[in-house]
N, C-alpha and C. Protein backbone atom coordinates (compact mmCIF):
# COMPACT_ATOMS: atom_id res chain seq x y z
N MET A 1 0.76 -1.00 -0.03
CA MET A 1 0.14 -0.25 0.09
C MET A 1 0.82 1.12 0.08
N THR A 2 0.34 2.36 -1.15
CA THR A 2 1.05 3.45 -0.96
C THR A 2 0.39 4.60 -0.25
N LYS A 3 0.71 4.94 0.99
CA LYS A 3 -0.25 6.08 1.06
C LYS A 3 0.16 7.64 1.13
N VAL A 4 -0.44 8.10 0.01
CA VAL A 4 -0.64 9.65 -0.94
C VAL A 4 -1.02 10.81 -0.07
N ILE A 5 -0.41 11.82 0.67
CA ILE A 5 -1.35 12.84 1.12
C ILE A 5 -1.31 13.96 0.20
N LEU A 6 -2.44 14.08 0.07
CA LEU A 6 -1.98 15.51 -1.21
C LEU A 6 -2.60 16.45 0.03
N VAL A 7 -2.02 17.71 -0.88
CA VAL A 7 -2.17 18.72 0.23
C VAL A 7 -2.39 20.29 -1.37
N ARG A 8 -3.34 20.42 -0.54
CA ARG A 8 -3.72 22.14 -1.43
C ARG A 8 -2.44 22.98 -1.17
N HIS A 9 -1.70 24.27 -1.68
CA HIS A 9 -1.11 25.18 -1.47
C HIS A 9 -2.03 25.78 -0.28
N GLY A 10 -0.47 27.41 0.74
CA GLY A 10 -1.25 28.51 1.14
C GLY A 10 -1.92 28.84 -0.07
N GLN A 11 -2.70 30.14 0.68
CA GLN A 11 -2.86 31.78 0.16
C GLN A 11 -2.27 32.36 -0.77
N THR A 12 -2.79 32.52 -1.75
CA THR A 12 -1.81 33.45 -2.59
C THR A 12 -3.02 34.72 -2.61
N VAL A 13 -1.70 36.11 -3.40
CA VAL A 13 -2.40 37.11 -3.50
C VAL A 13 -3.85 36.83 -4.56
N TRP A 14 -3.78 36.13 -4.99
CA TRP A 14 -4.64 35.64 -6.55
C TRP A 14 -6.06 34.90 -5.41
N ASN A 15 -5.84 34.30 -4.46
CA ASN A 15 -6.83 33.05 -3.89
C ASN A 15 -7.44 34.54 -3.02
N HIS A 16 -6.84 35.85 -2.55
CA HIS A 16 -7.54 36.59 -1.78
C HIS A 16 -8.34 37.26 -2.95
N ALA A 17 -7.83 38.21 -3.89
CA ALA A 17 -8.46 38.57 -4.65
C ALA A 17 -9.55 37.71 -5.74
N MET A 18 -9.46 36.66 -5.79
CA MET A 18 -10.66 35.50 -6.04
C MET A 18 -9.96 35.61 -7.66
N ARG A 19 -9.12 35.68 -8.05
CA ARG A 19 -8.27 35.41 -9.43
C ARG A 19 -8.50 34.30 -9.78
N TYR A 20 -8.52 33.46 -10.95
CA TYR A 20 -8.20 32.30 -11.44
C TYR A 20 -6.82 32.30 -11.88
N GLN A 21 -5.81 31.56 -11.08
CA GLN A 21 -4.79 31.53 -11.63
C GLN A 21 -4.25 30.26 -12.60
N GLY A 22 -4.69 29.38 -12.52
CA GLY A 22 -3.86 28.51 -13.77
C GLY A 22 -2.54 28.14 -14.02
N HIS A 23 -2.25 28.08 -14.68
CA HIS A 23 -0.57 28.51 -14.86
C HIS A 23 0.77 29.53 -14.51
N THR A 24 -0.36 30.32 -14.18
CA THR A 24 0.38 31.67 -13.97
C THR A 24 0.85 31.26 -12.41
N ASP A 25 2.62 32.11 -12.73
CA ASP A 25 3.05 31.67 -10.86
C ASP A 25 3.09 32.41 -9.98
N VAL A 26 2.10 32.36 -9.45
CA VAL A 26 1.97 33.48 -8.12
C VAL A 26 1.83 33.06 -6.64
N GLU A 27 2.94 34.35 -5.90
CA GLU A 27 3.55 33.28 -4.56
C GLU A 27 2.28 33.56 -3.78
N LEU A 28 3.16 32.72 -2.07
CA LEU A 28 1.79 33.04 -1.38
C LEU A 28 1.95 34.05 -0.54
N THR A 29 1.02 34.37 -0.03
CA THR A 29 0.85 35.64 1.04
C THR A 29 1.70 35.40 2.10
N GLU A 30 1.53 36.30 3.24
CA GLU A 30 2.07 36.15 4.47
C GLU A 30 1.20 35.25 4.68
N THR A 31 0.00 35.38 5.12
CA THR A 31 -1.51 34.33 5.33
C THR A 31 -0.76 33.03 4.64
N GLY A 32 -0.52 33.13 3.84
CA GLY A 32 -0.05 31.55 3.10
C GLY A 32 0.87 31.00 3.33
N LEU A 33 2.36 32.10 3.40
CA LEU A 33 3.19 30.96 4.38
C LEU A 33 3.02 30.62 5.56
N GLY A 34 1.95 31.12 6.35
CA GLY A 34 1.82 31.01 8.04
C GLY A 34 1.40 29.00 7.92
N GLN A 35 0.08 29.54 6.77
CA GLN A 35 -0.91 28.16 6.61
C GLN A 35 0.39 26.85 6.45
N ALA A 36 0.79 27.30 5.23
CA ALA A 36 2.24 26.37 4.89
C ALA A 36 2.83 25.73 6.39
N LYS A 37 3.64 26.33 6.89
CA LYS A 37 3.56 26.50 7.90
C LYS A 37 3.52 25.13 9.24
N LEU A 38 1.61 25.70 9.44
CA LEU A 38 0.78 25.22 9.90
C LEU A 38 0.30 22.94 9.29
N VAL A 39 0.52 23.83 8.00
CA VAL A 39 -0.05 22.51 7.89
C VAL A 39 1.32 21.63 8.27
N ALA A 40 2.03 22.19 7.89
CA ALA A 40 3.97 21.19 8.08
C ALA A 40 3.80 20.77 9.54
N GLU A 41 3.41 21.88 10.43
CA GLU A 41 3.46 21.31 11.78
C GLU A 41 2.48 19.91 12.00
N ARG A 42 1.52 20.07 11.34
CA ARG A 42 0.83 19.45 11.51
C ARG A 42 0.90 17.52 10.92
N LEU A 43 2.10 17.51 9.88
CA LEU A 43 2.32 16.47 9.04
C LEU A 43 3.66 15.86 9.50
N ARG A 44 3.82 16.96 10.85
CA ARG A 44 5.40 16.52 11.23
C ARG A 44 5.85 14.44 12.07
N PRO A 45 4.36 14.36 12.40
CA PRO A 45 4.59 12.58 13.14
C PRO A 45 4.32 11.47 11.86
N GLU A 46 3.99 12.39 10.06
CA GLU A 46 3.48 11.36 9.45
C GLU A 46 5.01 11.21 8.75
N PRO A 47 5.54 9.74 8.99
CA PRO A 47 6.68 9.00 8.18
C PRO A 47 6.70 9.25 6.96
N ILE A 48 6.66 10.83 6.46
CA ILE A 48 6.72 10.80 4.75
C ILE A 48 8.03 10.97 4.48
N GLN A 49 8.12 9.60 3.36
CA GLN A 49 9.59 9.22 2.66
C GLN A 49 10.36 10.34 1.49
N ALA A 50 9.01 10.66 0.99
CA ALA A 50 9.32 11.36 -0.20
C ALA A 50 8.40 12.88 -0.33
N VAL A 51 8.66 13.81 -0.82
CA VAL A 51 8.18 15.19 -0.87
C VAL A 51 7.71 15.67 -2.45
N TYR A 52 6.94 15.93 -3.09
CA TYR A 52 7.23 16.22 -4.15
C TYR A 52 5.75 17.54 -4.51
N ALA A 53 5.88 18.17 -5.13
CA ALA A 53 4.96 19.54 -5.22
C ALA A 53 4.93 19.65 -7.09
N SER A 54 4.25 20.43 -7.41
CA SER A 54 4.18 21.19 -8.33
C SER A 54 5.14 22.02 -8.73
N ASP A 55 5.69 22.66 -9.99
CA ASP A 55 6.82 23.82 -10.02
C ASP A 55 6.02 24.99 -10.31
N LEU A 56 5.26 25.14 -9.91
CA LEU A 56 5.06 26.41 -9.17
C LEU A 56 4.72 26.92 -7.70
N SER A 57 5.52 27.94 -8.02
CA SER A 57 5.80 28.39 -6.66
C SER A 57 4.49 28.21 -5.33
N ARG A 58 3.57 28.21 -5.24
CA ARG A 58 2.89 28.58 -4.18
C ARG A 58 2.66 27.43 -4.20
N ALA A 59 2.55 26.04 -5.02
CA ALA A 59 2.97 24.90 -3.91
C ALA A 59 4.38 24.32 -3.32
N PHE A 60 5.08 24.55 -4.38
CA PHE A 60 6.85 24.53 -3.96
C PHE A 60 6.89 24.88 -3.14
N GLN A 61 6.64 26.06 -2.11
CA GLN A 61 6.56 26.65 -1.16
C GLN A 61 6.25 26.25 -0.14
N THR A 62 4.89 25.64 -0.22
CA THR A 62 4.39 25.08 0.82
C THR A 62 4.90 23.48 0.67
N ALA A 63 5.22 23.19 0.27
CA ALA A 63 6.16 21.81 0.19
C ALA A 63 7.50 21.79 0.70
N GLU A 64 8.08 23.13 0.31
CA GLU A 64 9.25 22.81 1.23
C GLU A 64 9.23 23.06 2.46
N GLU A 65 8.33 24.34 3.17
CA GLU A 65 7.51 23.97 4.91
C GLU A 65 7.24 21.86 4.82
N ILE A 66 6.55 21.77 4.73
CA ILE A 66 6.45 20.02 5.02
C ILE A 66 7.94 19.32 4.52
N ALA A 67 8.19 19.44 3.87
CA ALA A 67 10.04 18.96 3.89
C ALA A 67 10.80 18.96 4.81
N ARG A 68 10.76 20.49 4.80
CA ARG A 68 11.96 20.57 6.48
C ARG A 68 11.67 19.79 7.43
N PHE A 69 10.39 19.83 7.59
CA PHE A 69 10.86 18.58 9.26
C PHE A 69 10.95 17.36 8.59
N HIS A 70 10.96 17.02 7.44
CA HIS A 70 11.45 15.24 7.39
C HIS A 70 13.09 15.57 6.60
N ALA A 71 13.75 16.30 6.45
CA ALA A 71 15.24 16.19 5.94
C ALA A 71 15.08 15.80 4.79
N LEU A 72 13.68 16.26 4.03
CA LEU A 72 14.12 15.72 2.26
C LEU A 72 14.12 17.19 1.47
N PRO A 73 14.44 16.75 0.27
CA PRO A 73 14.55 18.07 -0.93
C PRO A 73 12.82 17.82 -0.95
N VAL A 74 12.28 19.12 -2.04
CA VAL A 74 11.04 18.67 -2.63
C VAL A 74 11.33 18.91 -4.32
N GLN A 75 10.59 17.41 -4.69
CA GLN A 75 10.96 17.31 -6.13
C GLN A 75 10.16 17.62 -6.92
N SER A 76 10.46 18.73 -7.58
CA SER A 76 9.31 18.93 -8.70
C SER A 76 8.80 18.10 -9.93
N VAL A 77 7.59 18.25 -9.50
CA VAL A 77 6.78 17.29 -10.89
C VAL A 77 6.11 18.19 -11.58
N PRO A 78 5.88 19.03 -13.15
CA PRO A 78 5.14 19.72 -13.66
C PRO A 78 4.23 19.28 -13.82
N GLU A 79 3.58 18.14 -14.42
CA GLU A 79 2.83 17.56 -14.17
C GLU A 79 1.41 17.55 -13.30
N LEU A 80 1.85 18.02 -11.87
CA LEU A 80 0.92 18.27 -11.47
C LEU A 80 0.56 19.78 -11.10
N ARG A 81 0.21 20.49 -12.29
CA ARG A 81 0.34 21.58 -11.94
C ARG A 81 -1.49 22.01 -11.85
N GLU A 82 -2.16 22.97 -11.55
CA GLU A 82 -3.38 23.62 -11.86
C GLU A 82 -3.29 23.39 -13.07
N ILE A 83 -5.32 23.25 -13.57
CA ILE A 83 -5.09 23.19 -14.63
C ILE A 83 -5.06 25.02 -15.39
N LYS A 84 -4.58 24.44 -16.75
CA LYS A 84 -4.41 25.71 -17.82
C LYS A 84 -5.62 26.73 -17.89
N PHE A 85 -5.70 27.75 -17.29
CA PHE A 85 -6.51 28.41 -17.64
C PHE A 85 -6.57 29.56 -18.48
N GLY A 86 -5.57 29.28 -19.22
CA GLY A 86 -6.00 29.93 -20.35
C GLY A 86 -5.85 31.24 -20.34
N GLU A 87 -7.02 32.16 -21.16
CA GLU A 87 -7.53 33.31 -21.11
C GLU A 87 -8.11 33.88 -20.38
N TRP A 88 -8.80 32.99 -19.19
CA TRP A 88 -8.91 33.71 -18.04
C TRP A 88 -7.90 33.86 -17.02
N GLU A 89 -6.42 33.38 -17.06
CA GLU A 89 -5.73 33.66 -15.60
C GLU A 89 -5.60 35.18 -15.38
N GLY A 90 -5.74 35.42 -14.27
CA GLY A 90 -5.79 36.99 -13.59
C GLY A 90 -6.60 37.55 -13.76
N LEU A 91 -8.18 36.92 -14.42
CA LEU A 91 -9.68 37.71 -14.24
C LEU A 91 -10.65 36.64 -13.18
N THR A 92 -11.37 37.55 -12.85
CA THR A 92 -12.24 37.36 -11.37
C THR A 92 -13.61 36.76 -12.22
N TYR A 93 -14.39 35.71 -11.46
CA TYR A 93 -15.31 35.30 -12.01
C TYR A 93 -16.49 36.17 -13.31
N ASP A 94 -16.88 36.93 -12.58
CA ASP A 94 -17.58 38.38 -13.09
C ASP A 94 -17.19 38.87 -14.38
N GLU A 95 -16.04 38.92 -14.56
CA GLU A 95 -14.82 39.48 -15.48
C GLU A 95 -14.74 38.52 -16.68
N ILE A 96 -14.30 36.58 -16.36
CA ILE A 96 -14.56 35.99 -17.01
C ILE A 96 -16.76 35.70 -18.05
N TYR A 97 -17.31 35.53 -16.90
CA TYR A 97 -18.54 35.49 -17.32
C TYR A 97 -19.01 36.22 -18.10
N ALA A 98 -18.69 37.58 -18.31
CA ALA A 98 -19.30 38.49 -18.63
C ALA A 98 -18.50 38.23 -20.02
N ARG A 99 -17.66 37.57 -20.67
CA ARG A 99 -16.88 37.82 -21.77
C ARG A 99 -17.36 36.11 -22.32
N TRP A 100 -17.45 35.17 -21.43
CA TRP A 100 -17.91 33.85 -22.02
C TRP A 100 -18.83 33.12 -21.34
N PRO A 101 -20.01 34.21 -21.28
CA PRO A 101 -21.31 33.62 -20.63
C PRO A 101 -21.66 32.26 -20.61
N GLU A 102 -21.16 31.47 -22.33
CA GLU A 102 -22.23 30.51 -22.59
C GLU A 102 -21.49 29.00 -22.29
N ILE A 103 -19.94 29.49 -21.64
CA ILE A 103 -19.20 28.40 -21.39
C ILE A 103 -19.65 28.35 -19.61
N MET A 104 -19.34 29.60 -19.28
CA MET A 104 -19.09 29.16 -17.88
C MET A 104 -20.92 28.99 -17.40
N ASP A 105 -21.84 28.81 -17.98
CA ASP A 105 -23.47 28.30 -17.70
C ASP A 105 -23.34 27.26 -17.73
N LYS A 106 -22.17 26.51 -17.90
CA LYS A 106 -21.62 24.89 -17.83
C LYS A 106 -20.76 24.88 -17.01
N PHE A 107 -19.72 25.59 -16.68
CA PHE A 107 -18.69 25.26 -15.70
C PHE A 107 -18.64 24.66 -15.18
N TYR A 108 -19.49 24.78 -13.80
CA TYR A 108 -19.80 24.00 -12.67
C TYR A 108 -20.86 22.36 -12.48
N THR A 109 -21.67 22.72 -14.01
CA THR A 109 -22.55 21.26 -13.44
C THR A 109 -22.06 20.84 -15.27
N HIS A 110 -21.80 21.12 -16.10
CA HIS A 110 -21.23 20.03 -17.19
C HIS A 110 -19.88 20.14 -17.78
N THR A 111 -19.02 20.22 -16.56
CA THR A 111 -17.36 20.73 -16.45
C THR A 111 -16.99 19.78 -17.27
N ASP A 112 -17.21 18.43 -17.34
CA ASP A 112 -16.14 17.59 -18.58
C ASP A 112 -16.72 17.93 -20.13
N GLU A 113 -17.44 19.03 -20.05
CA GLU A 113 -17.93 19.07 -21.66
C GLU A 113 -16.98 20.77 -22.03
N ILE A 114 -16.35 21.27 -21.10
CA ILE A 114 -15.48 22.90 -20.98
C ILE A 114 -14.76 22.49 -21.76
N GLN A 115 -14.30 23.56 -22.66
CA GLN A 115 -12.87 23.62 -23.11
C GLN A 115 -12.12 25.11 -22.52
N ILE A 116 -11.20 24.81 -21.77
CA ILE A 116 -10.77 26.47 -21.32
C ILE A 116 -10.28 27.04 -22.85
N PRO A 117 -10.89 28.92 -22.95
CA PRO A 117 -9.92 29.54 -24.22
C PRO A 117 -8.57 29.15 -24.23
N GLY A 118 -7.61 29.00 -24.77
CA GLY A 118 -6.41 28.93 -24.46
C GLY A 118 -6.11 28.11 -23.92
N GLY A 119 -6.68 26.84 -23.21
CA GLY A 119 -5.96 26.08 -21.51
C GLY A 119 -5.97 24.90 -22.19
N GLU A 120 -6.78 24.28 -20.48
CA GLU A 120 -7.13 22.86 -21.05
C GLU A 120 -8.37 22.47 -20.71
N SER A 121 -8.75 21.03 -20.79
CA SER A 121 -10.13 20.95 -20.56
C SER A 121 -9.20 20.15 -19.07
N PHE A 122 -10.65 19.63 -18.41
CA PHE A 122 -10.75 18.60 -17.02
C PHE A 122 -10.07 17.82 -17.03
N LYS A 123 -11.01 17.15 -18.71
CA LYS A 123 -10.72 15.69 -18.85
C LYS A 123 -8.98 15.57 -18.97
N GLU A 124 -7.58 16.59 -19.70
CA GLU A 124 -6.86 16.36 -19.82
C GLU A 124 -5.99 17.30 -18.27
N LEU A 125 -6.54 17.83 -17.72
CA LEU A 125 -6.30 17.60 -16.46
C LEU A 125 -5.74 16.30 -15.50
N LYS A 126 -7.21 15.90 -15.78
CA LYS A 126 -7.19 14.31 -14.72
C LYS A 126 -6.61 13.49 -15.93
N GLU A 127 -6.30 13.98 -16.78
CA GLU A 127 -5.07 12.50 -17.66
C GLU A 127 -3.98 12.70 -16.87
N ARG A 128 -3.24 14.02 -17.04
CA ARG A 128 -2.37 13.93 -16.67
C ARG A 128 -1.48 13.91 -15.30
N ALA A 129 -2.79 14.49 -14.15
CA ALA A 129 -2.56 14.65 -13.11
C ALA A 129 -2.48 12.74 -12.21
N GLU A 130 -3.15 12.28 -12.86
CA GLU A 130 -3.52 10.95 -12.45
C GLU A 130 -2.20 9.85 -13.32
N GLU A 131 -1.83 9.99 -13.90
CA GLU A 131 -0.40 9.45 -14.50
C GLU A 131 0.48 10.27 -13.99
N ALA A 132 0.54 11.12 -13.77
CA ALA A 132 2.29 11.35 -12.57
C ALA A 132 1.52 11.01 -11.65
N ILE A 133 0.94 10.42 -10.81
CA ILE A 133 0.33 10.24 -9.36
C ILE A 133 1.18 8.32 -9.51
N GLN A 134 0.22 7.90 -10.36
CA GLN A 134 0.62 6.40 -10.67
C GLN A 134 2.39 6.38 -11.08
N LYS A 135 2.70 7.37 -11.35
CA LYS A 135 4.56 7.09 -11.70
C LYS A 135 4.56 6.73 -10.11
N LEU A 136 4.43 7.87 -9.27
CA LEU A 136 4.79 8.11 -7.70
C LEU A 136 4.68 6.74 -7.23
N ILE A 137 3.48 6.53 -7.37
CA ILE A 137 2.85 5.07 -5.67
C ILE A 137 3.92 3.83 -6.82
N ARG A 138 4.12 3.75 -8.26
CA ARG A 138 5.17 2.70 -8.40
C ARG A 138 6.46 2.71 -7.86
N GLN A 139 6.83 4.18 -8.03
CA GLN A 139 8.30 4.51 -7.51
C GLN A 139 7.70 4.44 -6.02
N HIS A 140 6.75 3.95 -5.10
CA HIS A 140 7.33 4.26 -3.72
C HIS A 140 6.33 2.95 -2.81
N GLU A 141 6.46 1.83 -3.90
CA GLU A 141 5.37 0.94 -2.76
C GLU A 141 5.44 0.68 -1.87
N GLY A 142 4.36 1.21 -0.65
CA GLY A 142 4.74 0.68 0.61
C GLY A 142 5.18 1.93 1.65
N GLU A 143 5.14 3.21 0.48
CA GLU A 143 5.90 4.10 1.75
C GLU A 143 4.40 5.23 1.88
N THR A 144 5.06 6.04 2.56
CA THR A 144 4.25 7.49 2.53
C THR A 144 4.11 8.21 2.38
N ILE A 145 3.91 9.40 0.81
CA ILE A 145 4.92 10.67 0.39
C ILE A 145 3.77 11.66 0.64
N ALA A 146 4.15 12.47 0.41
CA ALA A 146 3.22 14.31 0.45
C ALA A 146 3.47 15.01 -1.11
N VAL A 147 2.30 15.30 -1.63
CA VAL A 147 2.11 15.63 -2.56
C VAL A 147 1.64 17.17 -2.66
N VAL A 148 2.39 18.03 -2.83
CA VAL A 148 1.42 19.66 -2.65
C VAL A 148 1.00 19.92 -3.85
N SER A 149 -0.34 19.69 -4.26
CA SER A 149 -0.44 20.45 -5.33
C SER A 149 -1.61 21.94 -5.77
N HIS A 150 -2.62 21.66 -6.70
CA HIS A 150 -3.62 22.31 -6.29
C HIS A 150 -4.86 22.16 -6.33
N GLY A 151 -5.80 22.93 -6.36
CA GLY A 151 -7.28 22.71 -5.88
C GLY A 151 -8.04 22.21 -7.00
N GLY A 152 -7.54 22.29 -8.12
CA GLY A 152 -8.69 22.01 -9.31
C GLY A 152 -7.91 20.30 -9.97
N THR A 153 -6.71 20.65 -9.37
CA THR A 153 -5.85 19.10 -9.61
C THR A 153 -6.16 18.12 -8.78
N ILE A 154 -5.89 18.50 -7.23
CA ILE A 154 -6.46 17.55 -6.35
C ILE A 154 -8.37 17.05 -6.73
N ARG A 155 -8.88 18.40 -6.86
CA ARG A 155 -10.80 17.41 -7.40
C ARG A 155 -10.22 16.80 -8.39
N ALA A 156 -9.44 16.48 -9.19
CA ALA A 156 -9.83 15.36 -10.22
C ALA A 156 -9.01 14.45 -10.03
N LEU A 157 -7.76 14.09 -9.18
CA LEU A 157 -7.21 13.51 -8.41
C LEU A 157 -8.75 12.36 -7.63
N LEU A 158 -9.07 13.08 -6.51
CA LEU A 158 -10.16 12.81 -5.94
C LEU A 158 -11.02 11.96 -6.59
N CYS A 159 -11.16 12.38 -7.62
CA CYS A 159 -12.32 12.33 -8.81
C CYS A 159 -12.35 10.86 -9.33
N ALA A 160 -11.00 10.16 -9.78
CA ALA A 160 -10.38 9.66 -10.40
C ALA A 160 -10.09 8.34 -9.18
N ALA A 161 -10.10 8.79 -8.21
CA ALA A 161 -9.74 7.87 -6.97
C ALA A 161 -10.81 7.11 -6.45
N LEU A 162 -12.20 8.19 -6.95
CA LEU A 162 -13.56 7.36 -6.53
C LEU A 162 -14.45 6.86 -7.30
N ASN A 163 -13.97 7.33 -8.73
CA ASN A 163 -14.48 6.59 -9.73
C ASN A 163 -15.64 7.74 -10.10
N ILE A 164 -15.61 8.78 -9.42
CA ILE A 164 -16.57 9.92 -9.75
C ILE A 164 -16.06 10.30 -11.17
N HIS A 165 -17.48 10.94 -11.83
CA HIS A 165 -17.95 11.69 -13.06
C HIS A 165 -17.07 13.61 -13.02
N LEU A 166 -16.41 13.60 -13.80
CA LEU A 166 -15.88 15.01 -13.81
C LEU A 166 -16.85 15.88 -13.69
N ASN A 167 -18.12 15.66 -14.18
CA ASN A 167 -19.40 16.73 -13.72
C ASN A 167 -19.27 17.09 -12.58
N PHE A 168 -18.89 16.55 -11.55
CA PHE A 168 -19.09 16.34 -10.15
C PHE A 168 -17.97 17.32 -9.25
N VAL A 169 -16.65 17.32 -10.35
CA VAL A 169 -15.61 17.82 -9.34
C VAL A 169 -15.52 19.08 -9.05
N TRP A 170 -16.33 20.04 -8.75
CA TRP A 170 -17.04 20.96 -8.02
C TRP A 170 -17.51 20.56 -6.61
N ASN A 171 -18.26 19.47 -6.45
CA ASN A 171 -18.75 18.84 -5.46
C ASN A 171 -17.90 18.27 -4.61
N ILE A 172 -16.17 18.88 -4.87
CA ILE A 172 -15.59 18.47 -3.38
C ILE A 172 -14.80 19.42 -3.46
N ARG A 173 -15.07 20.22 -1.89
CA ARG A 173 -14.13 21.36 -1.39
C ARG A 173 -12.32 21.17 -1.01
N GLN A 174 -11.79 21.95 -1.27
CA GLN A 174 -10.03 22.40 -1.31
C GLN A 174 -9.81 23.79 -0.31
N ASP A 175 -9.82 23.65 0.47
CA ASP A 175 -9.14 25.32 1.09
C ASP A 175 -7.69 25.23 0.93
N ASN A 176 -7.41 26.28 0.73
CA ASN A 176 -5.86 25.85 1.46
C ASN A 176 -5.19 25.33 2.32
N THR A 177 -4.15 24.42 2.01
CA THR A 177 -3.46 23.78 2.64
C THR A 177 -4.62 22.43 3.53
N ALA A 178 -5.47 22.33 2.78
CA ALA A 178 -6.16 21.33 3.15
C ALA A 178 -5.85 20.15 2.86
N VAL A 179 -5.91 19.00 3.46
CA VAL A 179 -5.05 17.95 3.71
C VAL A 179 -6.20 17.05 3.34
N ASN A 180 -5.75 15.76 2.16
CA ASN A 180 -6.20 14.65 1.56
C ASN A 180 -5.72 13.71 1.68
N ILE A 181 -6.03 12.12 1.68
CA ILE A 181 -5.11 11.02 1.90
C ILE A 181 -5.99 10.09 1.38
N ILE A 182 -5.16 9.45 0.17
CA ILE A 182 -5.65 8.59 -0.46
C ILE A 182 -4.25 7.31 -0.41
N GLU A 183 -4.97 6.09 -0.14
CA GLU A 183 -3.83 5.10 -0.06
C GLU A 183 -4.43 3.88 -1.22
N TYR A 184 -3.45 3.72 -1.46
CA TYR A 184 -3.28 3.03 -3.11
C TYR A 184 -2.95 1.59 -2.72
N HIS A 185 -3.78 0.54 -3.11
CA HIS A 185 -3.49 -0.94 -2.93
C HIS A 185 -3.80 -1.31 -3.82
N ASN A 186 -2.50 -1.59 -4.22
CA ASN A 186 -2.89 -2.64 -6.10
C ASN A 186 -3.36 -1.46 -7.25
N ASP A 187 -4.30 -1.84 -7.71
CA ASP A 187 -5.33 -1.06 -8.30
C ASP A 187 -6.51 -0.46 -7.43
N ARG A 188 -6.55 -0.64 -6.96
CA ARG A 188 -7.85 -0.21 -5.47
C ARG A 188 -7.20 1.10 -4.81
N ALA A 189 -8.24 2.40 -5.02
CA ALA A 189 -7.80 3.22 -3.94
C ALA A 189 -8.71 3.72 -3.21
N ILE A 190 -8.36 3.97 -1.68
CA ILE A 190 -8.87 4.00 -1.11
C ILE A 190 -8.79 5.49 -0.65
N VAL A 191 -10.05 6.60 -0.67
CA VAL A 191 -9.94 7.97 -0.35
C VAL A 191 -10.15 7.84 1.62
N ALA A 192 -9.40 8.31 2.51
CA ALA A 192 -9.24 8.29 4.21
C ALA A 192 -9.14 9.52 4.53
N LEU A 193 -8.99 10.58 3.82
CA LEU A 193 -9.43 11.64 4.26
C LEU A 193 -9.72 12.89 2.93
N VAL A 194 -10.35 13.90 3.22
CA VAL A 194 -10.46 14.65 2.08
C VAL A 194 -11.12 16.23 2.68
N ASN A 195 -10.39 17.10 2.24
CA ASN A 195 -10.24 18.87 2.78
C ASN A 195 -10.15 18.47 4.35
N ASP A 196 -9.44 18.33 4.70
CA ASP A 196 -9.16 17.96 6.26
C ASP A 196 -8.26 19.42 6.71
N ILE A 197 -8.85 20.70 7.71
CA ILE A 197 -7.97 22.30 8.05
C ILE A 197 -8.12 22.48 8.84
N HIS A 198 -7.74 21.12 10.01
CA HIS A 198 -8.10 21.47 11.30
C HIS A 198 -7.12 21.98 12.06
N HIS A 199 -5.91 21.53 11.10
CA HIS A 199 -4.58 22.55 11.70
C HIS A 199 -4.43 24.33 11.92
N LEU A 200 -5.69 25.21 10.93
CA LEU A 200 -5.79 25.93 10.65
C LEU A 200 -7.03 26.47 11.65
N ALA A 201 -7.59 25.57 12.68
CA ALA A 201 -8.29 26.74 13.81
C ALA A 201 -8.01 27.21 14.57
N PRO A 202 -8.11 28.07 14.83
CA PRO A 202 -7.88 28.52 16.70
C PRO A 202 -7.72 27.49 17.44
N PRO A 203 -6.60 27.47 19.11
CA PRO A 203 -6.75 26.36 19.67
C PRO A 203 -7.78 27.03 20.06
N GLN A 204 -8.52 25.74 21.02
CA GLN A 204 -9.31 26.20 21.73
C GLN A 204 -9.18 26.27 23.44
N PRO A 205 -10.00 26.87 24.25
CA PRO A 205 -9.74 27.33 25.68
C PRO A 205 -9.83 26.00 26.35
């Protein structure tokens, strides 16, 4: 069994401004860096034997905080990038809807049918991300690995693990530094945890 701990990156400036990021390299905010340190502390007891991340700095920075406690390097996997939002990158939902209303009317309900202008489809995202994860699973049989990626990418991987149609990809919540766990037993995937952010909760009195 290979245990994959999937972590979404910390908050970025564009997360805060509600702008679509995609392949644009947007760094963490101070809040995001703080979130990364908290999730790293939360994962400190885990027997993590390798740390991987998307090559975009928001994911890579988050992964570096996790790796620090395990004396491991962060290995870059470009295939774990966020979906390429193409012409939508840097725009807000309202700005995108004003220019592409027909596409946005289907974006959250018929996601599998959408081709983002100048970007990817969710089917393409799922294929590249799942291929990357399967490669890592083969390399780390019987081990625990941390993989830091992006909201859309993690949602697509969870759909693959649960055998859920991509039209339901937005039914899965992914907050900044959310922890998700998938256990891979040969050809079977078991989702053990989804969108856990208890490390961000203030301590109880």
